[in-house]
Protein backbone atom coordinates (compact mmCIF):
# COMPACT_ATOMS: atom_id res chain seq x y z
CA MET A 1 20.25 17.09 -9.87
CA LYS A 2 16.56 16.52 -9.12
CA HIS A 3 15.53 12.93 -8.46
CA THR A 4 13.27 12.87 -11.50
CA ASP A 5 16.04 14.20 -13.75
CA ARG A 6 18.40 11.52 -12.47
CA LEU A 7 15.81 8.81 -13.07
CA ASP A 8 15.21 10.09 -16.60
CA VAL A 9 18.94 10.03 -17.34
CA LEU A 10 19.19 6.46 -16.04
CA LEU A 11 16.16 5.28 -18.02
CA LYS A 12 17.62 6.68 -21.23
CA ALA A 13 21.24 5.68 -20.67
CA ARG A 14 20.63 2.07 -19.62
CA GLN A 15 17.26 1.35 -21.20
CA CYS A 16 16.28 -0.04 -17.83
CA THR A 17 13.17 -0.45 -15.70
CA LEU A 18 13.33 1.27 -12.31
CA LEU A 19 12.73 -0.84 -9.21
CA GLY A 20 10.50 -0.17 -6.22
CA ILE A 21 11.24 -2.40 -3.20
CA GLY A 22 8.81 -2.99 -0.35
CA PRO A 23 10.41 -2.43 3.07
CA MET A 24 9.37 -5.84 4.36
CA SER A 25 11.73 -5.77 7.36
CA LYS A 26 14.69 -3.88 8.78
CA LEU A 27 17.05 -6.29 7.03
CA CYS A 28 15.23 -5.73 3.73
CA VAL A 29 15.75 -1.99 4.15
CA ASP A 30 19.42 -2.55 5.00
CA ALA A 31 19.82 -4.80 1.93
CA THR A 32 18.26 -2.15 -0.31
CA ILE A 33 20.51 0.60 1.06
CA GLU A 34 23.62 -1.55 0.62
CA ILE A 35 22.81 -2.50 -2.99
CA ALA A 36 21.96 1.09 -3.94
CA ASN A 37 25.26 2.32 -2.50
CA GLU A 38 27.43 -0.56 -3.72
CA LEU A 39 26.15 -0.23 -7.31
CA ASP A 40 25.57 3.54 -7.08
CA ILE A 41 22.04 3.25 -8.48
CA PRO A 42 18.75 4.78 -7.32
CA LEU A 43 16.32 2.35 -5.72
CA MET A 44 12.87 3.21 -4.38
CA LEU A 45 11.69 2.00 -0.99
CA ILE A 46 7.92 1.81 -1.45
CA ALA A 47 6.27 1.86 1.98
CA SER A 48 2.57 1.07 2.23
CA ARG A 49 0.59 2.69 5.04
CA ARG A 50 0.21 -0.71 6.69
CA GLN A 51 3.99 -1.18 6.76
CA ILE A 52 5.08 2.34 7.69
CA GLU A 53 2.67 4.93 9.06
CA ALA A 54 2.77 8.26 10.88
CA ALA A 55 3.19 8.18 14.66
CA SER A 56 -0.13 10.04 14.96
CA HIS A 57 -1.77 7.11 13.13
CA GLY A 58 -0.19 4.36 15.24
CA GLY A 59 2.82 3.42 13.10
CA GLY A 60 3.10 0.28 10.95
CA TYR A 61 4.04 -3.38 11.35
CA VAL A 62 7.62 -3.15 10.02
CA ASN A 63 10.25 -2.97 12.77
CA GLY A 64 8.06 -0.78 14.96
CA TRP A 65 8.92 2.16 12.69
CA THR A 66 6.78 5.23 12.26
CA THR A 67 7.05 7.34 9.12
CA GLU A 68 9.30 9.69 11.05
CA THR A 69 11.71 7.08 12.45
CA PHE A 70 11.79 5.11 9.19
CA ALA A 71 12.76 8.19 7.19
CA GLU A 72 15.42 9.13 9.72
CA TYR A 73 16.89 5.60 9.66
CA VAL A 74 17.17 5.50 5.87
CA ARG A 75 18.60 9.00 5.58
CA THR A 76 21.17 8.24 8.27
CA HIS A 77 22.35 5.00 6.66
CA ASP A 78 22.09 5.88 2.94
CA ALA A 79 25.59 7.35 2.57
CA LYS A 80 25.29 8.18 -1.15
CA SER A 81 21.65 9.35 -1.06
CA ASN A 82 20.70 6.70 -3.60
CA VAL A 83 17.53 5.49 -1.86
CA LEU A 84 14.30 7.28 -2.70
CA LEU A 85 11.64 7.20 0.00
CA ALA A 86 8.28 6.54 -1.60
CA ARG A 87 4.80 6.27 -0.17
CA ASP A 88 3.06 3.31 -1.78
CA HIS A 89 -0.75 3.21 -1.87
CA GLY A 90 -1.38 6.37 0.08
CA GLY A 91 -5.04 7.30 0.19
CA PRO A 92 -8.27 6.73 2.11
CA TRP A 93 -8.82 3.36 3.85
CA GLN A 94 -5.28 2.26 2.99
CA ASN A 95 -4.32 1.45 6.58
CA TYR A 96 -5.79 -0.93 9.14
CA SER A 97 -7.24 1.68 11.51
CA GLU A 98 -9.31 3.50 8.88
CA VAL A 99 -10.88 0.23 7.75
CA LYS A 100 -11.40 -1.13 11.26
CA GLY A 101 -12.91 2.17 12.39
CA GLY A 102 -15.34 2.20 9.46
CA LEU A 103 -14.46 5.81 8.66
CA ASN A 104 -16.73 7.65 6.27
CA LEU A 105 -15.32 9.32 3.16
CA GLN A 106 -14.72 12.70 4.75
CA GLU A 107 -12.97 11.14 7.75
CA ALA A 108 -10.86 8.79 5.63
CA MET A 109 -9.78 11.59 3.28
CA LYS A 110 -8.81 13.77 6.24
CA SER A 111 -6.82 10.90 7.77
CA ALA A 112 -5.08 10.22 4.45
CA LYS A 113 -4.15 13.89 4.09
CA GLN A 114 -2.66 13.92 7.58
CA SER A 115 -0.63 10.81 6.74
CA TYR A 116 0.62 12.44 3.54
CA GLU A 117 1.61 15.55 5.46
CA THR A 118 3.83 13.44 7.71
CA ASP A 119 5.38 11.79 4.64
CA ILE A 120 6.22 15.16 3.12
CA LYS A 121 7.44 16.66 6.37
CA SER A 122 9.63 13.59 6.95
CA GLY A 123 11.32 14.00 3.58
CA PHE A 124 9.64 11.39 1.38
CA ASP A 125 10.65 11.88 -2.25
CA MET A 126 7.63 10.35 -3.97
CA ILE A 127 3.96 10.06 -3.10
CA HIS A 128 1.63 7.46 -4.60
CA ILE A 129 -1.94 8.71 -4.60
CA ASP A 130 -4.31 5.75 -4.72
CA PRO A 131 -8.01 6.38 -4.03
CA SER A 132 -9.06 2.97 -5.41
CA ILE A 133 -10.35 1.63 -2.08
CA ASP A 134 -13.77 2.46 -0.67
CA ILE A 135 -15.12 0.25 2.09
CA HIS A 136 -18.68 1.56 1.66
CA LYS A 137 -19.34 1.34 -2.08
CA ARG A 138 -17.77 0.98 -5.52
CA PRO A 139 -16.97 4.55 -6.56
CA SER A 140 -17.42 5.69 -10.14
CA PHE A 141 -14.49 6.68 -12.37
CA GLU A 142 -15.44 10.33 -11.85
CA GLU A 143 -15.55 9.95 -8.07
CA VAL A 144 -12.13 8.26 -8.01
CA LEU A 145 -10.65 11.08 -10.09
CA GLU A 146 -12.27 13.71 -7.87
CA ARG A 147 -10.64 12.14 -4.80
CA LEU A 148 -7.30 11.76 -6.57
CA PHE A 149 -7.22 15.42 -7.59
CA GLU A 150 -8.27 16.60 -4.14
CA LEU A 151 -5.45 14.63 -2.54
CA TYR A 152 -2.96 15.77 -5.17
CA LEU A 153 -3.77 19.46 -4.69
CA HIS A 154 -3.47 19.04 -0.93
CA CYS A 155 -0.07 17.36 -1.18
CA VAL A 156 1.32 19.86 -3.67
CA GLU A 157 0.18 22.83 -1.60
CA TYR A 158 1.54 21.32 1.62
CA ALA A 159 4.90 20.47 0.02
CA ARG A 160 5.20 23.99 -1.36
CA SER A 161 4.41 25.48 2.05
CA LEU A 162 7.41 23.60 3.46
CA GLY A 163 9.66 24.21 0.46
CA LYS A 164 9.82 20.44 -0.17
CA GLU A 165 10.37 18.86 -3.57
CA VAL A 166 8.11 15.84 -4.11
CA PHE A 167 7.13 13.91 -7.23
CA PHE A 168 4.03 11.79 -7.67
CA GLU A 169 2.59 8.50 -8.82
CA PHE A 170 -1.11 8.16 -9.65
CA GLY A 171 -3.13 4.96 -9.46
CA THR A 172 -6.88 4.53 -9.71
CA ASP A 173 -7.46 0.75 -9.79
CA GLU A 174 -6.80 -2.22 -7.57
CA GLN A 175 -4.44 -4.58 -9.34
CA GLY A 176 -5.95 -7.50 -11.24
CA GLU A 177 -4.67 -10.43 -13.25
CA GLY A 178 -5.39 -8.88 -16.64
CA LEU A 179 -4.10 -5.99 -18.73
CA HIS A 180 -5.29 -2.40 -18.73
CA ASP A 181 -7.87 -1.48 -21.33
CA LEU A 182 -6.27 0.89 -23.84
CA GLU A 183 -9.22 3.29 -24.04
CA GLU A 184 -9.47 3.41 -20.26
CA LEU A 185 -5.79 4.26 -19.82
CA GLU A 186 -6.07 6.88 -22.58
CA ALA A 187 -9.05 8.48 -20.84
CA LEU A 188 -7.29 8.41 -17.46
CA THR A 189 -4.05 9.98 -18.67
CA GLU A 190 -5.96 12.60 -20.64
CA GLU A 191 -8.02 13.56 -17.59
CA ILE A 192 -4.88 13.72 -15.46
CA THR A 193 -2.85 15.84 -17.86
CA ASP A 194 -5.79 18.18 -18.52
CA PHE A 195 -6.24 18.71 -14.78
CA CYS A 196 -2.54 19.39 -14.26
CA SER A 197 -2.45 21.82 -17.18
CA LYS A 198 -5.56 23.67 -15.97
CA HIS A 199 -4.18 24.07 -12.45
CA ARG A 200 -0.58 24.64 -13.57
CA LEU A 201 0.62 21.59 -11.69
CA PRO A 202 3.39 19.17 -12.68
CA LYS A 203 2.20 15.95 -14.26
CA PRO A 204 2.68 12.82 -12.16
CA TYR A 205 5.98 11.10 -12.86
CA PHE A 206 4.40 7.63 -12.83
CA VAL A 207 0.94 6.38 -13.75
CA VAL A 208 0.11 2.86 -12.55
CA ALA A 209 -1.39 0.57 -15.17
CA GLN A 210 -2.56 -3.02 -15.05
CA THR A 211 0.40 -4.91 -16.51
CA GLY A 212 -1.02 -8.39 -16.04
CA ALA A 213 0.85 -9.10 -12.82
CA LYS A 214 -0.92 -10.34 -9.69
CA VAL A 215 0.59 -11.99 -6.60
CA LYS A 216 -1.16 -14.86 -4.86
CA GLU A 217 0.50 -17.12 -2.31
CA THR A 218 4.13 -17.32 -3.46
CA LYS A 219 3.63 -17.05 -7.20
CA ASN A 220 2.50 -14.63 -9.86
CA VAL A 221 -0.87 -15.58 -11.33
CA GLY A 222 -1.26 -12.69 -13.79
CA VAL A 223 -1.36 -13.14 -17.55
CA ILE A 224 2.16 -11.73 -17.83
CA ALA A 225 3.42 -14.85 -16.04
CA ASP A 226 1.80 -17.20 -18.59
CA PRO A 227 4.38 -18.10 -21.29
CA GLY A 228 1.59 -19.09 -23.66
CA GLU A 229 0.24 -15.52 -23.61
CA SER A 230 3.59 -13.78 -24.08
CA GLY A 231 3.02 -12.51 -27.63
CA ALA A 232 -0.35 -10.92 -26.95
CA VAL A 233 0.78 -9.56 -23.57
CA LYS A 234 3.87 -7.90 -25.06
CA ALA A 235 1.84 -6.31 -27.84
CA GLN A 236 -0.68 -4.85 -25.37
CA LEU A 237 2.02 -3.63 -22.99
CA LYS A 238 3.81 -1.81 -25.81
CA LYS A 239 0.56 0.03 -26.58
CA LEU A 240 0.13 0.96 -22.90
CA VAL A 241 3.69 2.30 -22.80
CA ALA A 242 3.05 4.29 -26.00
CA ILE A 243 0.01 5.97 -24.41
CA CYS A 244 2.02 7.03 -21.37
CA ASN A 245 4.89 8.27 -23.53
CA ARG A 246 2.50 10.32 -25.64
CA TYR A 247 1.18 12.13 -22.57
CA GLY A 248 4.61 12.62 -21.01
CA VAL A 249 4.16 10.28 -18.03
CA ARG A 250 5.85 6.98 -17.18
CA LEU A 251 4.19 3.60 -16.85
CA LYS A 252 4.68 1.74 -13.60
CA GLY A 253 3.70 -1.85 -12.94
CA HIS A 254 2.93 -3.29 -9.52
CA ASN A 255 2.99 -6.88 -8.24
CA GLY A 256 6.19 -7.88 -10.05
CA ASP A 257 6.99 -10.59 -7.51
CA TYR A 258 7.92 -14.12 -8.63
CA LEU A 259 8.10 -13.26 -12.34
CA SER A 260 10.67 -15.28 -14.28
CA ASP A 261 13.95 -13.71 -15.37
CA ASP A 262 12.80 -13.88 -18.98
CA THR A 263 9.58 -12.02 -18.18
CA LEU A 264 11.47 -9.41 -16.20
CA ARG A 265 13.77 -8.81 -19.16
CA TRP A 266 10.72 -7.88 -21.24
CA HIS A 267 10.15 -4.83 -19.07
CA PRO A 268 13.08 -2.72 -20.28
CA GLU A 269 12.73 -4.20 -23.77
CA ILE A 270 9.09 -3.07 -23.97
CA GLY A 271 9.83 0.26 -22.28
CA ILE A 272 7.99 -0.20 -18.96
CA HIS A 273 9.47 2.51 -16.80
CA ALA A 274 9.22 1.00 -13.32
CA LEU A 275 8.16 -2.11 -11.40
CA ASN A 276 7.24 -2.66 -7.74
CA VAL A 277 8.17 -5.84 -5.85
CA ALA A 278 7.48 -6.50 -2.17
CA PRO A 279 6.27 -9.77 -0.58
CA GLU A 280 8.85 -11.90 -2.41
CA PHE A 281 11.61 -10.28 -0.37
CA GLY A 282 9.82 -10.99 2.91
CA VAL A 283 9.36 -14.61 1.87
CA ALA A 284 13.07 -14.83 0.95
CA GLU A 285 14.02 -13.78 4.48
CA THR A 286 11.49 -16.19 6.01
CA LYS A 287 12.78 -19.14 3.98
CA ALA A 288 16.39 -18.31 4.88
CA LEU A 289 15.49 -18.25 8.58
CA ILE A 290 13.77 -21.63 8.32
CA LYS A 291 16.83 -23.05 6.54
CA VAL A 292 19.09 -21.92 9.39
CA CYS A 293 16.79 -23.63 11.88
CA ASP A 294 16.82 -26.81 9.78
CA ASP A 295 20.61 -26.76 9.34
CA LEU A 296 21.23 -26.22 13.04
CA GLY A 297 18.58 -28.63 14.26
CA LEU A 298 16.54 -25.89 15.96
CA LYS A 299 13.21 -27.67 15.64
CA SER A 300 11.61 -25.97 18.65
CA GLU A 301 12.46 -22.46 17.44
CA ARG A 302 11.41 -23.33 13.89
CA ASP A 303 8.04 -24.66 15.03
CA GLN A 304 7.43 -21.69 17.34
CA PHE A 305 8.12 -19.24 14.52
CA LEU A 306 5.88 -21.09 12.08
CA THR A 307 3.07 -21.30 14.65
CA LEU A 308 3.37 -17.57 15.37
CA ALA A 309 3.21 -16.74 11.66
CA LEU A 310 0.32 -19.12 11.03
CA ASN A 311 -1.70 -17.77 13.94
CA SER A 312 -1.28 -14.20 12.67
CA ARG A 313 -3.61 -15.08 9.75
CA LYS A 314 -1.80 -12.46 7.66
CA TRP A 315 -1.69 -15.08 4.90
CA ASP A 316 -5.43 -14.93 4.42
CA LYS A 317 -5.62 -12.18 1.76
CA TRP A 318 -2.91 -13.87 -0.31
CA LEU A 319 -4.63 -17.25 -0.77
CA LEU A 320 -6.00 -18.47 -4.08
CA ALA A 321 -9.71 -19.27 -4.20
CA ASP A 322 -8.91 -22.93 -4.84
CA THR A 323 -5.89 -22.96 -2.53
CA LYS A 324 -3.97 -26.09 -1.71
CA ALA A 325 -1.68 -24.21 0.68
CA THR A 326 -0.63 -26.20 3.75
CA ASP A 327 -0.17 -24.69 7.19
CA PHE A 328 3.56 -24.53 6.44
CA ASP A 329 2.89 -22.66 3.19
CA ARG A 330 0.62 -20.19 4.98
CA ALA A 331 3.22 -19.57 7.67
CA VAL A 332 5.88 -18.85 5.03
CA ILE A 333 3.57 -16.33 3.34
CA ALA A 334 2.95 -14.56 6.67
CA GLY A 335 6.39 -14.87 8.24
CA HIS A 336 7.57 -11.29 7.69
CA TYR A 337 4.43 -9.86 9.28
CA VAL A 338 5.54 -11.11 12.71
CA PHE A 339 9.23 -10.10 12.58
CA ALA A 340 8.63 -7.06 14.82
CA THR A 341 6.56 -8.87 17.48
CA PRO A 342 7.98 -9.43 20.98
CA GLU A 343 7.37 -13.17 20.61
CA PHE A 344 9.47 -13.40 17.47
CA THR A 345 12.23 -11.23 18.96
CA LYS A 346 12.71 -13.87 21.67
CA ILE A 347 12.67 -16.73 19.18
CA LYS A 348 15.15 -15.00 16.91
CA ALA A 349 17.49 -14.26 19.83
CA ARG A 350 17.76 -17.99 20.52
CA ILE A 351 18.37 -18.74 16.83
CA ALA A 352 21.05 -16.02 16.69
CA PHE A 353 22.76 -17.41 19.81
CA ALA A 354 22.90 -20.90 18.34
CA SER A 355 24.12 -19.48 15.03
CA ARG A 356 26.99 -17.59 16.68
CA ALA A 357 28.09 -20.78 18.40
CA ARG A 358 28.49 -22.28 14.89
CA GLY A 359 30.30 -19.21 13.56
CA LEU A 360 27.30 -17.83 11.66
CA ASP A 361 26.15 -14.21 11.80
CA LEU A 362 22.40 -14.70 11.50
CA ASP A 363 21.48 -11.17 10.38
CA GLN A 364 24.24 -11.13 7.78
CA TYR A 365 23.09 -14.49 6.43
CA LEU A 366 19.46 -13.34 6.19
CA LYS A 367 20.44 -10.03 4.62
CA GLU A 368 22.51 -11.79 1.95
CA ALA A 369 19.48 -13.95 1.10
CA ILE A 370 17.38 -10.81 0.61
CA LYS A 371 20.12 -9.14 -1.42
CA SER A 372 20.30 -12.17 -3.70
CA SER A 373 16.55 -11.92 -4.30
CA ILE A 374 16.73 -8.17 -5.01
CA MET A 375 19.73 -8.58 -7.32
CA ARG A 376 17.73 -10.89 -9.59
CA TYR A 377 15.54 -7.86 -10.36
CA VAL A 378 18.40 -5.37 -10.53
CA SER A 379 20.13 -7.54 -13.12
CA SER A 380 17.08 -8.53 -15.19
CA LEU A 381 15.77 -4.95 -15.32
CA ASN A 382 19.13 -3.63 -16.63
CA LEU A 383 19.76 -1.47 -13.56
CA SER A 384 23.29 -2.70 -12.94
CA HIS A 385 26.28 -1.69 -15.03
CA GLY A 386 26.14 -4.87 -17.03
């Protein structure tokens, strides 16, 4: 059975919302694989280009993996083939090197196409095409669509040349705190379906819409997270879902981190087809590591880890404009970004040694913390058997 057929069957049978999980660390990937196999459910690993990137593009920050080695690791360990490899936010200027190098449009599009080719060749199941970023100007709606369609045609043709089966997710906006305008989503889906019909291409499986979710620091600041706005938010979301259903595509929300269980339960109730969650799982692992240090009295290792995370400054883009985040808070936000560094490897080895002396398997403990965080979503989104 094709992946998309299986997802459709699951959506109908369980009235669920599918889950995309950011591969924040090796243990997060292991946790995802274990849950997918234990519950026999499909889960998507949504790798951004900053996290996982082609070897030709320098790789990503997660576990030293390239696209090629990441795909091989998941395929080797996913015994029941329940994990779908998905490229999240593929497109121009979506990795560090393209931004740092100041690439022009032609160069950035070429680089993005090469990255996509590695995804497809490595066996990724789903490709997210996201041309929303432009470091030189604010592109018009027409320019964004032109780039999206160019990238889509390239990916489809390349996949066909290799005999690979890939499905797609389209996104044209950076996520904000509000909800998608109905007329705008209608225009977007109409343009997309018209293009696919004209070129005899399959429609994208997912279309990303603004669902009122936005992650800042370690909370969700979007309107969907505001209980006082729940009635209006639900009404608008139902209309967004109806538009997608009418055009035969599925609505996907991003930035689902830190939403309450009640809010998560809305998603299948309203009919939202899928939700992405990422940084929350990295923070869960970071907090679990700090707790081990506190419980075992490993103040030196704890402080070294927090200093390393703080000095990375990877927390910067996550801060609220009126932030009250302490240095500790900032380090927690950035902790997972340094897990693959040589400095952290040494710190963790000392924590693991002290843990073993107390009868604690550090990696197992951290993985269980991540699994607990993931299972909150699996349960609230109706993915488990009940």
